[in-house]
N, C-alpha and C. Protein backbone atom coordinates (compact mmCIF):
# COMPACT_ATOMS: atom_id res chain seq x y z
N MET A 1 -40.30 39.34 66.35
CA MET A 1 -39.26 40.10 67.02
C MET A 1 -38.40 40.78 65.96
N ALA A 2 -38.13 42.07 66.16
CA ALA A 2 -37.29 42.83 65.24
C ALA A 2 -35.83 42.61 65.58
N ILE A 3 -35.02 42.45 64.56
CA ILE A 3 -33.58 42.27 64.76
C ILE A 3 -32.89 43.55 64.36
N ALA A 4 -32.00 44.04 65.23
CA ALA A 4 -31.29 45.29 64.95
C ALA A 4 -30.26 45.07 63.86
N PRO A 5 -30.02 46.08 63.01
CA PRO A 5 -28.97 45.98 61.99
C PRO A 5 -27.61 45.75 62.63
N ALA A 6 -26.70 45.13 61.90
CA ALA A 6 -25.38 44.77 62.43
C ALA A 6 -24.61 45.98 62.95
N GLU A 7 -24.80 47.16 62.35
CA GLU A 7 -24.04 48.33 62.78
C GLU A 7 -24.73 49.10 63.90
N SER A 8 -25.85 48.60 64.37
CA SER A 8 -26.62 49.28 65.42
C SER A 8 -25.85 49.31 66.74
N PRO A 9 -25.99 50.41 67.54
CA PRO A 9 -25.38 50.45 68.86
C PRO A 9 -25.88 49.33 69.77
N VAL A 10 -27.07 48.76 69.46
CA VAL A 10 -27.58 47.66 70.26
C VAL A 10 -26.65 46.46 70.15
N THR A 11 -26.23 46.13 68.91
CA THR A 11 -25.40 44.96 68.72
C THR A 11 -23.91 45.26 68.87
N GLN A 12 -23.48 46.45 68.48
CA GLN A 12 -22.07 46.80 68.56
C GLN A 12 -21.70 47.42 69.89
N GLY A 13 -22.60 48.19 70.46
CA GLY A 13 -22.29 48.91 71.69
C GLY A 13 -21.37 50.08 71.40
N LEU A 14 -21.13 50.86 72.40
CA LEU A 14 -20.23 52.01 72.31
C LEU A 14 -19.21 51.94 73.42
N ARG A 15 -17.99 52.37 73.13
CA ARG A 15 -16.96 52.46 74.16
C ARG A 15 -16.89 53.91 74.61
N SER A 16 -16.64 54.11 75.90
CA SER A 16 -16.52 55.48 76.39
C SER A 16 -15.44 55.56 77.45
N LEU A 17 -14.88 56.75 77.57
CA LEU A 17 -14.02 57.11 78.69
C LEU A 17 -14.75 58.22 79.42
N GLU A 18 -14.88 58.08 80.74
CA GLU A 18 -15.65 59.03 81.53
C GLU A 18 -14.90 59.39 82.81
N VAL A 19 -15.07 60.62 83.22
CA VAL A 19 -14.63 61.04 84.55
C VAL A 19 -15.78 61.89 85.09
N ARG A 20 -16.12 61.67 86.36
CA ARG A 20 -17.30 62.32 86.93
C ARG A 20 -17.02 62.70 88.38
N TRP A 21 -17.43 63.92 88.73
CA TRP A 21 -17.36 64.38 90.11
C TRP A 21 -18.79 64.53 90.61
N ILE A 22 -19.10 63.93 91.75
CA ILE A 22 -20.45 63.98 92.32
C ILE A 22 -20.35 64.63 93.70
N LEU A 23 -21.15 65.68 93.91
CA LEU A 23 -21.11 66.42 95.17
C LEU A 23 -22.45 66.33 95.88
N PRO A 24 -22.43 66.03 97.19
CA PRO A 24 -23.66 65.82 97.94
C PRO A 24 -24.29 67.09 98.48
N ARG A 25 -24.81 67.91 97.59
CA ARG A 25 -25.52 69.13 97.98
C ARG A 25 -26.20 69.69 96.73
N PRO A 26 -27.14 70.63 96.90
CA PRO A 26 -27.78 71.22 95.72
C PRO A 26 -26.76 71.94 94.84
N LEU A 27 -27.07 72.01 93.56
CA LEU A 27 -26.22 72.72 92.61
C LEU A 27 -26.11 74.18 93.01
N GLN A 28 -24.90 74.69 93.05
CA GLN A 28 -24.64 76.07 93.42
C GLN A 28 -25.00 77.00 92.26
N PRO A 29 -25.68 78.12 92.53
CA PRO A 29 -26.06 79.05 91.45
C PRO A 29 -24.87 79.55 90.64
N ALA A 30 -23.72 79.74 91.27
CA ALA A 30 -22.54 80.22 90.53
C ALA A 30 -22.11 79.21 89.47
N VAL A 31 -22.18 77.92 89.80
CA VAL A 31 -21.79 76.89 88.84
C VAL A 31 -22.81 76.82 87.71
N ALA A 32 -24.09 76.81 88.06
CA ALA A 32 -25.15 76.76 87.04
C ALA A 32 -25.07 77.97 86.11
N GLY A 33 -24.81 79.14 86.67
CA GLY A 33 -24.70 80.36 85.87
C GLY A 33 -23.52 80.31 84.93
N TRP A 34 -22.38 79.85 85.43
CA TRP A 34 -21.19 79.77 84.60
C TRP A 34 -21.40 78.78 83.46
N PHE A 35 -21.93 77.59 83.78
CA PHE A 35 -22.16 76.57 82.76
C PHE A 35 -23.22 77.04 81.77
N GLY A 36 -24.18 77.84 82.24
CA GLY A 36 -25.25 78.35 81.41
C GLY A 36 -24.78 79.25 80.28
N ARG A 37 -23.55 79.74 80.35
CA ARG A 37 -23.00 80.57 79.26
C ARG A 37 -22.66 79.74 78.04
N LEU A 38 -22.54 78.42 78.21
CA LEU A 38 -22.17 77.53 77.10
C LEU A 38 -23.42 77.04 76.38
N PRO A 39 -23.34 76.82 75.07
CA PRO A 39 -24.49 76.24 74.37
C PRO A 39 -24.70 74.81 74.88
N ALA A 40 -25.90 74.51 75.33
CA ALA A 40 -26.15 73.20 75.94
C ALA A 40 -27.53 72.69 75.59
N GLU A 41 -27.63 71.36 75.55
CA GLU A 41 -28.92 70.68 75.49
C GLU A 41 -29.35 70.49 76.93
N THR A 42 -30.62 70.70 77.23
CA THR A 42 -31.12 70.50 78.59
C THR A 42 -32.26 69.50 78.54
N ALA A 43 -32.26 68.54 79.46
CA ALA A 43 -33.32 67.55 79.51
C ALA A 43 -33.51 67.08 80.95
N ALA A 44 -34.76 66.86 81.31
CA ALA A 44 -35.10 66.27 82.60
C ALA A 44 -35.54 64.84 82.35
N ARG A 45 -35.14 63.93 83.23
CA ARG A 45 -35.53 62.54 83.06
C ARG A 45 -35.48 61.81 84.39
N GLN A 46 -36.00 60.62 84.38
CA GLN A 46 -35.97 59.76 85.55
C GLN A 46 -35.29 58.46 85.15
N ASP A 47 -34.25 58.08 85.87
CA ASP A 47 -33.54 56.84 85.61
C ASP A 47 -33.71 55.92 86.80
N ALA A 48 -33.64 54.63 86.54
CA ALA A 48 -33.66 53.64 87.62
C ALA A 48 -32.37 52.83 87.52
N TYR A 49 -31.66 52.72 88.62
CA TYR A 49 -30.39 51.99 88.68
C TYR A 49 -30.59 50.71 89.48
N LEU A 50 -30.09 49.60 88.96
CA LEU A 50 -30.15 48.34 89.69
C LEU A 50 -29.01 48.31 90.69
N LEU A 51 -29.34 48.29 91.98
CA LEU A 51 -28.33 48.28 93.03
C LEU A 51 -28.10 46.89 93.60
N GLY A 52 -29.10 46.06 93.57
CA GLY A 52 -28.96 44.72 94.12
C GLY A 52 -29.75 43.75 93.28
N PRO A 53 -29.18 42.60 93.03
CA PRO A 53 -27.95 42.10 93.61
C PRO A 53 -26.70 42.75 93.00
N GLU A 54 -25.60 42.74 93.73
CA GLU A 54 -24.33 43.29 93.25
C GLU A 54 -23.88 42.48 92.04
N LEU A 55 -23.54 43.17 90.94
CA LEU A 55 -23.18 42.51 89.69
C LEU A 55 -21.74 42.75 89.28
N GLY A 56 -20.86 43.05 90.22
CA GLY A 56 -19.46 43.28 89.88
C GLY A 56 -19.29 44.51 89.03
N GLY A 57 -18.66 44.40 87.88
CA GLY A 57 -18.41 45.54 87.00
C GLY A 57 -19.55 45.86 86.06
N LEU A 58 -20.72 45.27 86.28
CA LEU A 58 -21.86 45.49 85.41
C LEU A 58 -22.77 46.55 86.02
N SER A 59 -23.22 47.49 85.22
CA SER A 59 -24.12 48.54 85.68
C SER A 59 -25.37 48.52 84.80
N VAL A 60 -26.55 48.45 85.41
CA VAL A 60 -27.79 48.42 84.66
C VAL A 60 -28.59 49.66 85.02
N LYS A 61 -29.01 50.38 84.00
CA LYS A 61 -29.80 51.60 84.17
C LYS A 61 -30.95 51.55 83.19
N ILE A 62 -32.14 51.91 83.66
CA ILE A 62 -33.29 51.97 82.77
C ILE A 62 -33.73 53.42 82.66
N ARG A 63 -33.87 53.90 81.43
CA ARG A 63 -34.46 55.21 81.15
C ARG A 63 -35.54 54.99 80.10
N ALA A 64 -35.50 55.63 78.95
CA ALA A 64 -36.51 55.40 77.91
C ALA A 64 -36.43 53.97 77.40
N GLY A 65 -35.23 53.42 77.35
CA GLY A 65 -35.00 52.02 77.02
C GLY A 65 -34.09 51.47 78.09
N THR A 66 -33.44 50.38 77.84
CA THR A 66 -32.52 49.82 78.82
C THR A 66 -31.10 50.17 78.43
N ALA A 67 -30.30 50.57 79.39
CA ALA A 67 -28.89 50.80 79.14
C ALA A 67 -28.11 49.83 80.01
N LEU A 68 -27.17 49.17 79.41
CA LEU A 68 -26.33 48.20 80.10
C LEU A 68 -24.89 48.66 79.93
N LYS A 69 -24.16 48.78 81.02
CA LYS A 69 -22.77 49.22 80.96
C LYS A 69 -21.89 48.19 81.65
N VAL A 70 -20.74 47.92 81.04
CA VAL A 70 -19.75 47.03 81.65
C VAL A 70 -18.49 47.85 81.90
N TYR A 71 -18.03 47.85 83.14
CA TYR A 71 -16.83 48.58 83.53
C TYR A 71 -15.61 47.82 83.03
N LEU A 72 -14.73 48.51 82.31
CA LEU A 72 -13.55 47.88 81.72
C LEU A 72 -12.26 48.25 82.43
N GLY A 73 -12.36 49.02 83.52
CA GLY A 73 -11.17 49.42 84.25
C GLY A 73 -10.88 50.90 84.08
N SER A 74 -9.74 51.30 84.62
CA SER A 74 -9.35 52.70 84.56
C SER A 74 -8.00 52.84 83.87
N PRO A 75 -7.94 53.68 82.83
CA PRO A 75 -6.65 53.92 82.19
C PRO A 75 -5.80 54.93 82.94
N GLY A 76 -6.32 55.50 84.03
CA GLY A 76 -5.51 56.43 84.81
C GLY A 76 -6.32 57.57 85.40
N ILE A 77 -5.61 58.61 85.76
CA ILE A 77 -6.18 59.78 86.42
C ILE A 77 -6.17 60.96 85.46
N LEU A 78 -7.26 61.71 85.43
CA LEU A 78 -7.29 62.99 84.73
C LEU A 78 -6.83 64.02 85.76
N ASP A 79 -5.73 64.66 85.49
CA ASP A 79 -5.17 65.63 86.43
C ASP A 79 -4.96 66.95 85.69
N VAL A 80 -5.78 67.92 86.02
CA VAL A 80 -5.64 69.27 85.48
C VAL A 80 -5.07 70.10 86.61
N ALA A 81 -3.79 70.39 86.53
CA ALA A 81 -3.05 71.03 87.63
C ALA A 81 -3.83 72.17 88.27
N SER A 82 -3.99 72.09 89.57
CA SER A 82 -4.64 73.11 90.40
C SER A 82 -6.11 73.34 90.05
N ARG A 83 -6.70 72.47 89.25
CA ARG A 83 -8.09 72.67 88.86
C ARG A 83 -8.96 71.48 89.19
N ALA A 84 -8.59 70.28 88.75
CA ALA A 84 -9.44 69.11 88.95
C ALA A 84 -8.59 67.84 88.87
N ARG A 85 -9.08 66.82 89.56
CA ARG A 85 -8.43 65.51 89.53
C ARG A 85 -9.52 64.46 89.68
N GLY A 86 -9.51 63.47 88.80
CA GLY A 86 -10.51 62.41 88.89
C GLY A 86 -10.07 61.18 88.14
N ARG A 87 -10.60 60.04 88.55
CA ARG A 87 -10.27 58.76 87.92
C ARG A 87 -11.07 58.60 86.63
N ILE A 88 -10.36 58.31 85.54
CA ILE A 88 -11.00 58.04 84.25
C ILE A 88 -11.48 56.59 84.28
N GLN A 89 -12.71 56.38 83.86
CA GLN A 89 -13.27 55.03 83.79
C GLN A 89 -13.56 54.68 82.34
N SER A 90 -13.26 53.45 81.98
CA SER A 90 -13.55 52.94 80.65
C SER A 90 -14.78 52.05 80.73
N TRP A 91 -15.76 52.28 79.83
CA TRP A 91 -17.01 51.53 79.83
C TRP A 91 -17.34 51.05 78.43
N HIS A 92 -18.06 49.94 78.35
CA HIS A 92 -18.68 49.49 77.10
C HIS A 92 -20.17 49.52 77.37
N LYS A 93 -20.95 50.20 76.49
CA LYS A 93 -22.38 50.43 76.72
C LYS A 93 -23.22 49.86 75.59
N TRP A 94 -24.39 49.37 75.97
CA TRP A 94 -25.39 48.94 75.01
C TRP A 94 -26.72 49.54 75.43
N SER A 95 -27.56 49.87 74.47
CA SER A 95 -28.92 50.32 74.74
C SER A 95 -29.87 49.52 73.87
N PHE A 96 -30.99 49.14 74.42
CA PHE A 96 -31.98 48.40 73.66
C PHE A 96 -33.35 48.66 74.27
N PRO A 97 -34.40 48.60 73.46
CA PRO A 97 -35.74 48.92 73.95
C PRO A 97 -36.27 47.87 74.91
N CYS A 98 -37.07 48.32 75.88
CA CYS A 98 -37.75 47.41 76.79
C CYS A 98 -38.97 48.13 77.35
N SER A 99 -39.84 47.39 77.97
CA SER A 99 -41.02 47.99 78.61
C SER A 99 -40.57 48.71 79.88
N PRO A 100 -41.17 49.86 80.17
CA PRO A 100 -40.78 50.58 81.38
C PRO A 100 -41.20 49.82 82.64
N LEU A 101 -40.43 49.98 83.71
CA LEU A 101 -40.78 49.39 84.99
C LEU A 101 -41.90 50.20 85.63
N SER A 102 -42.65 49.58 86.48
CA SER A 102 -43.69 50.29 87.24
C SER A 102 -43.04 50.86 88.49
N TRP A 103 -43.27 52.17 88.76
CA TRP A 103 -42.63 52.83 89.89
C TRP A 103 -43.58 53.01 91.07
N ASP A 104 -44.66 52.24 91.12
CA ASP A 104 -45.60 52.35 92.25
C ASP A 104 -44.88 52.08 93.56
N GLY A 105 -45.06 52.94 94.53
CA GLY A 105 -44.46 52.74 95.85
C GLY A 105 -42.98 52.99 95.88
N GLY A 106 -42.41 53.71 94.89
CA GLY A 106 -40.99 54.06 94.95
C GLY A 106 -40.09 53.17 94.12
N GLY A 107 -40.62 52.13 93.50
CA GLY A 107 -39.81 51.31 92.62
C GLY A 107 -39.67 49.89 93.12
N PRO A 108 -39.36 48.98 92.20
CA PRO A 108 -39.18 47.57 92.57
C PRO A 108 -37.97 47.38 93.48
N ALA A 109 -37.98 46.29 94.25
CA ALA A 109 -36.87 45.98 95.15
C ALA A 109 -35.56 45.90 94.37
N GLY A 110 -34.50 46.45 94.95
CA GLY A 110 -33.18 46.42 94.32
C GLY A 110 -32.89 47.56 93.39
N TRP A 111 -33.88 48.41 93.11
CA TRP A 111 -33.72 49.52 92.18
C TRP A 111 -33.79 50.85 92.93
N ARG A 112 -33.04 51.83 92.47
CA ARG A 112 -33.12 53.19 93.01
C ARG A 112 -33.52 54.14 91.89
N ILE A 113 -34.53 54.95 92.16
CA ILE A 113 -35.01 55.92 91.19
C ILE A 113 -34.28 57.23 91.40
N ILE A 114 -33.71 57.76 90.33
CA ILE A 114 -32.96 59.02 90.37
C ILE A 114 -33.60 59.97 89.37
N ARG A 115 -33.90 61.18 89.82
CA ARG A 115 -34.44 62.21 88.93
C ARG A 115 -33.30 63.17 88.58
N LYS A 116 -33.19 63.49 87.31
CA LYS A 116 -32.06 64.29 86.85
C LYS A 116 -32.53 65.43 85.95
N THR A 117 -31.84 66.54 86.06
CA THR A 117 -31.93 67.60 85.06
C THR A 117 -30.51 67.77 84.54
N ARG A 118 -30.32 67.48 83.27
CA ARG A 118 -28.97 67.47 82.69
C ARG A 118 -28.80 68.58 81.69
N ARG A 119 -27.63 69.22 81.73
CA ARG A 119 -27.21 70.19 80.71
C ARG A 119 -25.95 69.62 80.08
N ILE A 120 -25.98 69.44 78.77
CA ILE A 120 -24.84 68.80 78.09
C ILE A 120 -24.30 69.73 77.02
N THR A 121 -23.00 69.98 77.08
CA THR A 121 -22.27 70.73 76.06
C THR A 121 -21.23 69.81 75.46
N ARG A 122 -21.09 69.84 74.15
CA ARG A 122 -20.09 69.00 73.48
C ARG A 122 -18.95 69.87 72.97
N PHE A 123 -17.72 69.38 73.19
CA PHE A 123 -16.51 70.06 72.73
C PHE A 123 -15.84 69.17 71.70
N TRP A 124 -15.19 69.77 70.72
CA TRP A 124 -14.38 69.04 69.77
C TRP A 124 -13.06 69.79 69.60
N LEU A 125 -12.07 69.09 69.06
CA LEU A 125 -10.75 69.69 68.90
C LEU A 125 -10.65 70.38 67.54
N ALA A 126 -10.25 71.63 67.57
CA ALA A 126 -9.99 72.40 66.35
C ALA A 126 -8.61 73.02 66.50
N ARG A 127 -7.68 72.55 65.70
CA ARG A 127 -6.31 73.06 65.77
C ARG A 127 -5.76 72.97 67.20
N GLU A 128 -5.95 71.79 67.82
CA GLU A 128 -5.45 71.51 69.18
C GLU A 128 -6.07 72.40 70.25
N ARG A 129 -7.25 72.96 69.98
CA ARG A 129 -7.95 73.80 70.95
C ARG A 129 -9.38 73.28 71.08
N ALA A 130 -9.89 73.15 72.31
CA ALA A 130 -11.26 72.68 72.52
C ALA A 130 -12.23 73.82 72.27
N VAL A 131 -13.22 73.57 71.42
CA VAL A 131 -14.28 74.54 71.14
C VAL A 131 -15.62 73.82 71.26
N THR A 132 -16.68 74.58 71.53
CA THR A 132 -17.99 73.95 71.64
C THR A 132 -18.43 73.44 70.28
N ALA A 133 -19.04 72.27 70.29
CA ALA A 133 -19.44 71.61 69.06
C ALA A 133 -20.79 72.15 68.59
N THR A 134 -20.97 72.14 67.29
CA THR A 134 -22.27 72.46 66.70
C THR A 134 -22.97 71.13 66.41
N PRO A 135 -24.30 71.12 66.34
CA PRO A 135 -25.02 69.86 66.14
C PRO A 135 -24.56 69.05 64.94
N GLY A 136 -24.12 69.67 63.87
CA GLY A 136 -23.70 68.95 62.68
C GLY A 136 -22.38 68.21 62.80
N ARG A 137 -21.67 68.36 63.89
CA ARG A 137 -20.35 67.74 64.05
C ARG A 137 -20.41 66.47 64.88
N ALA A 138 -21.56 65.85 65.03
CA ALA A 138 -21.74 64.71 65.93
C ALA A 138 -20.86 63.51 65.60
N THR A 139 -20.38 63.36 64.37
CA THR A 139 -19.58 62.19 64.02
C THR A 139 -18.10 62.39 64.29
N GLU A 140 -17.66 63.58 64.64
CA GLU A 140 -16.25 63.83 64.90
C GLU A 140 -15.93 63.55 66.37
N PRO A 141 -14.65 63.23 66.67
CA PRO A 141 -14.27 63.00 68.06
C PRO A 141 -14.63 64.22 68.92
N ALA A 142 -15.27 63.96 70.05
CA ALA A 142 -15.72 65.04 70.91
C ALA A 142 -15.74 64.58 72.35
N CYS A 143 -15.86 65.54 73.23
CA CYS A 143 -16.00 65.27 74.65
C CYS A 143 -17.27 65.99 75.11
N ALA A 144 -18.18 65.25 75.74
CA ALA A 144 -19.40 65.85 76.27
C ALA A 144 -19.15 66.25 77.72
N ALA A 145 -19.51 67.49 78.06
CA ALA A 145 -19.47 67.96 79.44
C ALA A 145 -20.90 68.00 79.92
N GLU A 146 -21.16 67.36 81.05
CA GLU A 146 -22.52 67.22 81.55
C GLU A 146 -22.61 67.77 82.98
N LEU A 147 -23.45 68.77 83.17
CA LEU A 147 -23.75 69.30 84.50
C LEU A 147 -25.14 68.79 84.86
N THR A 148 -25.26 68.07 85.97
CA THR A 148 -26.51 67.40 86.31
C THR A 148 -26.95 67.71 87.73
N GLU A 149 -28.22 68.09 87.87
CA GLU A 149 -28.85 68.18 89.18
C GLU A 149 -29.51 66.84 89.44
N ILE A 150 -29.31 66.28 90.63
CA ILE A 150 -29.74 64.93 90.94
C ILE A 150 -30.63 64.95 92.18
N ARG A 151 -31.75 64.23 92.13
CA ARG A 151 -32.64 64.06 93.29
C ARG A 151 -32.86 62.57 93.50
N SER A 152 -32.63 62.11 94.71
CA SER A 152 -32.92 60.74 95.10
C SER A 152 -33.66 60.82 96.42
N GLY A 153 -34.95 60.55 96.39
CA GLY A 153 -35.76 60.76 97.59
C GLY A 153 -35.73 62.23 97.95
N ASP A 154 -35.34 62.54 99.19
CA ASP A 154 -35.27 63.94 99.61
C ASP A 154 -33.84 64.49 99.57
N GLN A 155 -32.92 63.76 98.96
CA GLN A 155 -31.53 64.19 98.88
C GLN A 155 -31.25 64.89 97.55
N ALA A 156 -30.51 65.99 97.61
CA ALA A 156 -30.11 66.73 96.41
C ALA A 156 -28.60 66.61 96.24
N TRP A 157 -28.16 66.32 95.03
CA TRP A 157 -26.76 66.20 94.65
C TRP A 157 -26.58 66.93 93.33
N TRP A 158 -25.33 67.11 92.93
CA TRP A 158 -25.04 67.58 91.59
C TRP A 158 -23.75 66.94 91.13
N SER A 159 -23.59 66.86 89.82
CA SER A 159 -22.38 66.24 89.29
C SER A 159 -21.91 66.98 88.04
N LEU A 160 -20.62 66.87 87.81
CA LEU A 160 -20.00 67.34 86.58
C LEU A 160 -19.28 66.15 85.99
N GLY A 161 -19.59 65.82 84.74
CA GLY A 161 -18.96 64.69 84.09
C GLY A 161 -18.41 65.06 82.74
N LEU A 162 -17.35 64.38 82.34
CA LEU A 162 -16.77 64.51 81.01
C LEU A 162 -16.78 63.12 80.40
N GLU A 163 -17.25 63.01 79.16
CA GLU A 163 -17.36 61.71 78.53
C GLU A 163 -16.96 61.78 77.06
N ALA A 164 -16.02 60.92 76.68
CA ALA A 164 -15.62 60.76 75.28
C ALA A 164 -16.18 59.43 74.82
N THR A 165 -17.00 59.44 73.77
CA THR A 165 -17.59 58.21 73.25
C THR A 165 -17.30 58.13 71.77
N ARG A 166 -16.46 57.20 71.40
CA ARG A 166 -16.08 56.98 70.01
C ARG A 166 -15.69 55.52 69.84
N PRO A 167 -15.46 55.08 68.60
CA PRO A 167 -14.95 53.73 68.41
C PRO A 167 -13.67 53.53 69.22
N ALA A 168 -13.47 52.33 69.74
CA ALA A 168 -12.40 52.06 70.69
C ALA A 168 -11.03 52.54 70.23
N GLY A 169 -10.69 52.36 68.96
CA GLY A 169 -9.38 52.75 68.46
C GLY A 169 -9.14 54.25 68.47
N ARG A 170 -10.21 55.05 68.57
CA ARG A 170 -10.07 56.51 68.53
C ARG A 170 -10.14 57.13 69.91
N LEU A 171 -10.26 56.34 70.96
CA LEU A 171 -10.39 56.90 72.31
C LEU A 171 -9.05 57.25 72.94
N ARG A 172 -7.94 56.85 72.33
CA ARG A 172 -6.64 57.11 72.95
C ARG A 172 -6.37 58.58 73.17
N SER A 173 -6.89 59.45 72.31
CA SER A 173 -6.66 60.89 72.48
C SER A 173 -7.68 61.53 73.41
N ALA A 174 -8.65 60.76 73.89
CA ALA A 174 -9.71 61.32 74.71
C ALA A 174 -9.21 61.97 76.01
N PRO A 175 -8.20 61.43 76.72
CA PRO A 175 -7.76 62.14 77.91
C PRO A 175 -7.33 63.57 77.62
N ALA A 176 -6.72 63.83 76.48
CA ALA A 176 -6.36 65.21 76.14
C ALA A 176 -7.62 66.04 75.93
N GLN A 177 -8.65 65.47 75.30
CA GLN A 177 -9.91 66.19 75.14
C GLN A 177 -10.56 66.45 76.49
N HIS A 178 -10.54 65.45 77.38
CA HIS A 178 -11.07 65.63 78.73
C HIS A 178 -10.36 66.79 79.41
N ARG A 179 -9.03 66.82 79.31
CA ARG A 179 -8.24 67.84 79.98
C ARG A 179 -8.59 69.23 79.46
N ARG A 180 -8.69 69.38 78.13
CA ARG A 180 -9.03 70.69 77.56
C ARG A 180 -10.43 71.13 77.97
N ALA A 181 -11.39 70.21 77.95
CA ALA A 181 -12.74 70.56 78.38
C ALA A 181 -12.75 70.90 79.86
N ALA A 182 -12.01 70.16 80.68
CA ALA A 182 -11.97 70.43 82.12
C ALA A 182 -11.36 71.80 82.40
N ILE A 183 -10.35 72.19 81.65
CA ILE A 183 -9.75 73.51 81.85
C ILE A 183 -10.78 74.59 81.61
N ARG A 184 -11.64 74.41 80.62
CA ARG A 184 -12.67 75.42 80.34
C ARG A 184 -13.76 75.42 81.40
N LEU A 185 -14.03 74.27 82.04
CA LEU A 185 -15.17 74.15 82.95
C LEU A 185 -14.84 74.38 84.42
N THR A 186 -13.62 74.13 84.85
CA THR A 186 -13.33 74.10 86.28
C THR A 186 -13.31 75.43 87.01
N PRO A 187 -13.19 76.61 86.41
CA PRO A 187 -13.23 77.82 87.23
C PRO A 187 -14.51 77.93 88.06
N ALA A 188 -15.64 77.63 87.47
CA ALA A 188 -16.91 77.71 88.21
C ALA A 188 -17.03 76.58 89.21
N VAL A 189 -16.52 75.40 88.89
CA VAL A 189 -16.61 74.28 89.81
C VAL A 189 -15.82 74.59 91.08
N ARG A 190 -14.64 75.19 90.92
CA ARG A 190 -13.86 75.55 92.11
C ARG A 190 -14.61 76.53 92.98
N ARG A 191 -15.29 77.50 92.36
CA ARG A 191 -16.04 78.48 93.15
C ARG A 191 -17.25 77.86 93.81
N GLY A 192 -17.84 76.82 93.18
CA GLY A 192 -19.09 76.25 93.68
C GLY A 192 -18.91 75.14 94.69
N THR A 193 -17.70 74.68 94.94
CA THR A 193 -17.49 73.57 95.87
C THR A 193 -17.16 74.06 97.26
């Protein structure tokens, strides 16, 4: 058995602050077009979420490896006046390799299979202004904006999420980053809802 290095995200995990809006309908072309103007990574994937048994604040998701998330509570509400409002959630996450589950017949009992197409843009603060991040800036504090098309069975949904992931001591400024990123993103969301 291989042991992960002490500084690995497997052993240390990552802390994040997230706010996410999920809408029960297909992604609106106006929103996709507006978000498409931003430099983004795009990826399609299939995730499996453990729904039962109920595990309290624990969330288990399987993708290429296993992701385990523990809900740590909410530090408050992200409120961008006249644009967006959502509850900020604090999470601690770990990822580690595992064998993929077999999805014959729709998936094992207690699991829900979700198909996603995600577009992710990263913002960082430059002179108190949010700007899109370049790939070389991955180690600096940033906020990821994620526009996702979601399919579960025959249901179509879409979501917009903002996520700040950094060492715990550096997350205190993340709500300001969330707010600046939300200000840049919400004009299209308002038109698409």
